[in-house]
Amino acid sequence: MGCGIVVGLFLPLVGVVLAGEPSTVEQARGVIDLSKLTVPTSMEVGQATVSQFVANGKGKVTAIANGIIDQLKKMGCTETKDGSGASRTETYVSLGMEKGGFRLYLSASQSDENVFVTVNNLGNIDVSTLPAPAGAKTTFKNSGTFLFTTDKNVADTAREVDAVLAKAGWRRFHAIDGSAPAEDEFRQWEYFLNGISLSVYVSIAPAQGNKTSVQYGSTLMDNDFVVPDDVQSIALSDYPDLEFRAASSKSPEQAIDFYLAELPKVGWKHRSDRGFRKKEGTMLVFVRPERALTVRLIEKDGKTQIHGEEIPPSILDPKKEEPKAPAGPTAEEKLLTEIRDLLKKK
């Protein structure tokens, strides 16, 4: 996409996903929304979003797992047939399911009377088809996992992986509160394309003659967002609230035009009655149902600094307090009035 990396394909219908193309979050929501899942009242829900459902509490693991599986089946999901680790015991259940090209993975375990359950949307891509560096040797692959080895060290392999993924359109990001650790024997990097996040692990594999091992795995993100295509470093927090930071060589005016044009394509509507444009900086405000996002643009060090941050929607339209009706007379005031009236009659 020449104008920018947009976490979303410009498709006319939500839920319509092109084969082989990473979907947007909103397209995924139109196919399967994990936030709709429920559990018994004996359990507490820790996360319920379009991409992940997490809960724990009292119960029997098989009953809890079966209840969620039944809900997923009613939503149109079917069990996957690619041999991706289905397991059922008295204390553990794991299962892969799918719908409309999206792969789900359910895991439920029991310790004493406590049950912990997660359901993840792994996205709509087949990670085994993603590029690997020249000379890589596959050790395992299915639609959800791609493992291969190289004869080069961790650092060189990581750089080659980064190059082939970037050429395929994947953009690397790091956590908003810091960068990914870089050690001699380990790299853990995160990439995204549209609404799909790709985790890449590069490490030494002693069991394979100390070759360098690489693993790809994907998940659906929780939010669609956009950054200009010239951005070199992206800091991102995808949950519980969306926040991203980047720096672009675009001028502030070009960056403003970019966000006004591209964020609406992934579901964020511009609130022209909110925000501001000043010499010292600009703040644009975007909304979608029950959510709001500010994008601040400030010119600094020769670049436009970008800071997108989700805010409570109530801040935009605070409720006005209803004017209080004048308080009526007290009992004492009523009594004094009656006495005065009696005196006047006399």
Foldseek 3Di string as FASTA:
>chain_A
DQFFFFLADLDDDQLDDDAQAFHALRVLVNQAAQLPDDFDPQKDWPDGTRFKTKIKGFDWQVVRVVSRVVVVVVSPKDFDDPCPDADDDRFKGWTWIDTPQWIKIKIWGDDDRMIIIMIGTQTRFQCQPQDAAPPWAWDDGTRFKTKTWHQDWQVVRVVRRVVSVVVVPWAWAAAQVDGFDDDRFWGWTWTHHNQKIKIKIWGFDVVVVRTIMIMIGMGGFRDTDIDGHQWRYKHWDRPPWTKIKTWALDDQVSVVVSCCPRVVSSPWAWDPVDWDDDPQWTWTWTDHVQWIKIWIWGDDPNITIIIITIDGPCVVPPDDDDDDDDDDDDPVVVVVVVVVVVVVVD
